[in-house]
């Protein structure tokens, strides 16, 4: 599977910001990355303490569906309000911040809707699988118990669900 196309890219001296349809990536590059890695390698105390913490943040890949809001702070830097993590600030120039925030606010609702549809589809499929499993169990010893069997009705329902999802994506 090929990677989705980059919607927006901002190249700074020490990091790169890449915005895709579903994810925002902030990657350190060159000397900043090397300096951090070198410091962690040379100081065992840093490696034990900061190494684990930095591993959580660098590189930073955030699914757009996990972003509650994107706005500019007082210093005109990009501030991301994340559901399950501490807020993140990306230090960009004011013009770059404005463009990125605008694009994020355009893409975040779409990403949230796609994620919601994925979760709904997954829940429906799980419910159908559970129902099939129950039918298999109640059918008796003639059918392998505990095995889900795809019936024509389930196949039709799966096709219809996929067609509805494709139609919504086209709209």
Protein backbone atom coordinates (compact mmCIF):
# COMPACT_ATOMS: atom_id res chain seq x y z
CA UNK A 1 0.00 0.00 0.00
CA UNK A 2 1.48 3.36 -1.00
CA UNK A 3 1.65 6.26 1.39
CA UNK A 4 -1.02 8.91 0.95
CA UNK A 5 0.03 12.17 -0.73
CA UNK A 6 1.35 15.07 1.33
CA UNK A 7 -1.24 17.84 1.65
CA UNK A 8 1.19 20.37 3.09
CA UNK A 9 4.88 20.33 3.98
CA UNK A 10 6.85 22.86 6.01
CA UNK A 11 10.61 22.43 6.05
CA UNK A 12 12.44 24.10 8.94
CA UNK A 13 16.14 24.01 9.89
CA UNK A 14 15.76 21.34 12.59
CA UNK A 15 12.46 19.65 11.78
CA UNK A 16 9.94 18.94 9.03
CA UNK A 17 6.16 19.17 9.34
CA UNK A 18 4.16 17.00 6.93
CA UNK A 19 0.39 17.09 6.83
CA UNK A 20 -1.49 14.20 5.24
CA UNK A 21 -5.25 13.57 4.97
CA UNK A 22 -5.22 11.50 8.19
CA UNK A 23 -2.02 12.30 10.06
CA UNK A 24 0.33 15.14 11.01
CA UNK A 25 4.01 14.21 11.21
CA UNK A 26 6.72 16.29 12.85
CA UNK A 27 10.16 14.76 12.35
CA UNK A 28 13.50 16.03 13.64
CA UNK A 29 16.20 16.13 11.05
CA UNK A 30 19.93 16.47 10.68
CA UNK A 31 21.91 18.02 13.48
CA UNK A 32 19.11 18.35 16.06
CA UNK A 33 18.28 14.66 15.78
CA UNK A 34 21.97 13.69 15.84
CA UNK A 35 22.69 15.91 18.86
CA UNK A 36 19.85 14.36 20.87
CA UNK A 37 20.84 10.82 19.89
CA UNK A 38 24.51 11.56 20.69
CA UNK A 39 23.65 13.06 24.09
CA UNK A 40 21.53 10.03 24.93
CA UNK A 41 24.27 7.61 23.86
CA UNK A 42 27.03 9.36 25.81
CA UNK A 43 25.15 9.90 29.06
CA UNK A 44 23.57 6.79 30.53
CA UNK A 45 21.63 8.93 33.02
CA UNK A 46 20.01 10.86 30.16
CA UNK A 47 19.31 7.65 28.23
CA UNK A 48 17.53 6.13 31.23
CA UNK A 49 15.46 9.21 32.02
CA UNK A 50 14.99 11.37 28.94
CA UNK A 51 15.36 8.62 26.35
CA UNK A 52 12.03 7.06 27.20
CA UNK A 53 10.31 10.42 27.39
CA UNK A 54 11.73 11.66 24.06
CA UNK A 55 10.72 8.42 22.41
CA UNK A 56 7.11 9.36 23.08
CA UNK A 57 7.39 12.73 21.34
CA UNK A 58 10.06 12.52 18.63
CA UNK A 59 9.16 11.79 15.93
CA UNK A 60 5.66 13.07 16.55
CA UNK A 61 2.94 11.42 14.47
CA UNK A 62 -0.58 12.50 15.37
CA UNK A 63 -3.74 11.11 13.80
CA UNK A 64 -5.96 14.04 12.83
CA UNK A 65 -8.94 12.28 14.40
CA UNK A 66 -7.11 12.56 17.77
CA UNK A 67 -6.83 16.36 17.56
CA UNK A 68 -9.55 18.18 19.46
CA UNK A 69 -8.63 21.58 18.04
CA UNK A 70 -5.87 23.45 16.22
CA UNK A 71 -5.27 27.15 16.84
CA UNK A 72 -2.54 29.73 17.19
CA UNK A 73 -1.31 30.74 20.64
CA UNK A 74 -0.32 34.25 21.75
CA UNK A 75 3.10 33.88 20.10
CA UNK A 76 1.36 32.83 16.82
CA UNK A 77 2.70 29.26 17.09
CA UNK A 78 0.52 26.26 16.21
CA UNK A 79 -1.13 24.80 19.32
CA UNK A 80 -2.78 21.37 19.08
CA UNK A 81 -5.30 20.35 21.74
CA UNK A 82 -5.07 16.56 21.91
CA UNK A 83 -7.64 14.29 23.54
CA UNK A 84 -5.35 11.85 25.32
CA UNK A 85 -2.04 13.72 25.54
CA UNK A 86 -0.60 16.99 26.67
CA UNK A 87 -1.18 19.83 24.22
CA UNK A 88 1.52 20.22 21.60
CA UNK A 89 3.00 23.44 20.23
CA UNK A 90 4.79 23.57 16.89
CA UNK A 91 7.12 26.59 16.55
CA UNK A 92 6.51 28.02 13.09
CA UNK A 93 6.55 31.47 11.53
CA UNK A 94 3.18 33.29 11.86
CA UNK A 95 2.32 32.87 8.14
CA UNK A 96 3.17 29.15 8.24
CA UNK A 97 1.19 28.75 11.46
CA UNK A 98 -1.84 30.38 9.93
CA UNK A 99 -1.73 28.19 6.81
CA UNK A 100 -1.23 25.00 8.83
CA UNK A 101 -4.02 25.82 11.30
CA UNK A 102 -6.41 26.63 8.44
CA UNK A 103 -5.59 23.36 6.66
CA UNK A 104 -5.81 21.35 9.89
CA UNK A 105 -9.22 22.85 10.70
CA UNK A 106 -10.35 21.86 7.21
CA UNK A 107 -9.06 18.26 7.47
CA UNK A 108 -9.78 17.41 11.14
CA UNK A 109 -13.60 17.14 10.78
CA UNK A 110 -13.20 14.89 7.73
CA UNK A 111 -10.71 12.67 9.56
CA UNK A 112 -13.03 12.45 12.58
CA UNK A 113 -15.94 11.46 10.34
CA UNK A 114 -13.84 8.77 8.60
CA UNK A 115 -12.74 7.41 11.98
CA UNK A 116 -16.33 7.37 13.24
CA UNK A 117 -17.50 5.52 10.12
CA UNK A 118 -14.65 3.02 10.54
CA UNK A 119 -15.65 2.41 14.16
CA UNK A 120 -19.33 2.00 13.24
CA UNK A 121 -18.47 -0.45 10.47
CA UNK A 122 -16.18 -2.38 12.80
CA UNK A 123 -18.91 -2.56 15.47
CA UNK A 124 -21.48 -3.77 12.91
CA UNK A 125 -19.12 -6.42 11.59
CA UNK A 126 -18.35 -7.56 15.14
CA UNK A 127 -22.08 -7.75 15.92
CA UNK A 128 -22.71 -9.82 12.76
CA UNK A 129 -19.79 -12.12 13.60
CA UNK A 130 -21.14 -12.58 17.13
CA UNK A 131 -24.62 -13.36 15.75
CA UNK A 132 -23.14 -15.90 13.33
CA UNK A 133 -21.22 -17.50 16.15
CA UNK A 134 -24.39 -17.77 18.21
CA UNK A 135 -26.26 -19.29 15.25
CA UNK A 136 -23.45 -21.81 14.78
CA UNK A 137 -23.59 -22.76 18.45
CA UNK A 138 -27.37 -23.12 18.48
CA UNK A 139 -27.36 -25.20 15.27
CA UNK A 140 -25.99 -28.14 17.19
CA UNK A 141 -23.21 -30.66 16.70
CA UNK A 142 -23.65 -30.90 12.92
CA UNK A 143 -21.83 -27.57 12.47
CA UNK A 144 -18.41 -26.82 13.88
CA UNK A 145 -19.16 -24.93 17.03
CA UNK A 146 -17.33 -21.66 17.63
CA UNK A 147 -16.81 -21.05 13.90
CA UNK A 148 -18.42 -18.08 12.19
CA UNK A 149 -20.04 -19.01 8.88
CA UNK A 150 -20.72 -16.28 6.34
CA UNK A 151 -24.32 -16.56 5.15
CA UNK A 152 -25.66 -14.90 1.99
CA UNK A 153 -27.54 -12.38 4.15
CA UNK A 154 -24.35 -11.38 5.97
CA UNK A 155 -22.46 -11.11 2.66
CA UNK A 156 -25.18 -8.86 1.24
CA UNK A 157 -25.15 -6.71 4.38
CA UNK A 158 -21.36 -6.34 4.22
CA UNK A 159 -21.53 -5.32 0.56
CA UNK A 160 -24.26 -2.76 1.28
CA UNK A 161 -22.25 -1.30 4.18
CA UNK A 162 -19.16 -0.96 1.98
CA UNK A 163 -21.20 0.66 -0.83
CA UNK A 164 -22.69 3.18 1.62
CA UNK A 165 -19.24 4.04 2.94
CA UNK A 166 -17.84 4.48 -0.59
CA UNK A 167 -20.80 6.69 -1.50
CA UNK A 168 -20.23 8.90 1.56
CA UNK A 169 -16.53 9.25 0.69
CA UNK A 170 -17.44 10.33 -2.85
CA UNK A 171 -19.89 12.95 -1.53
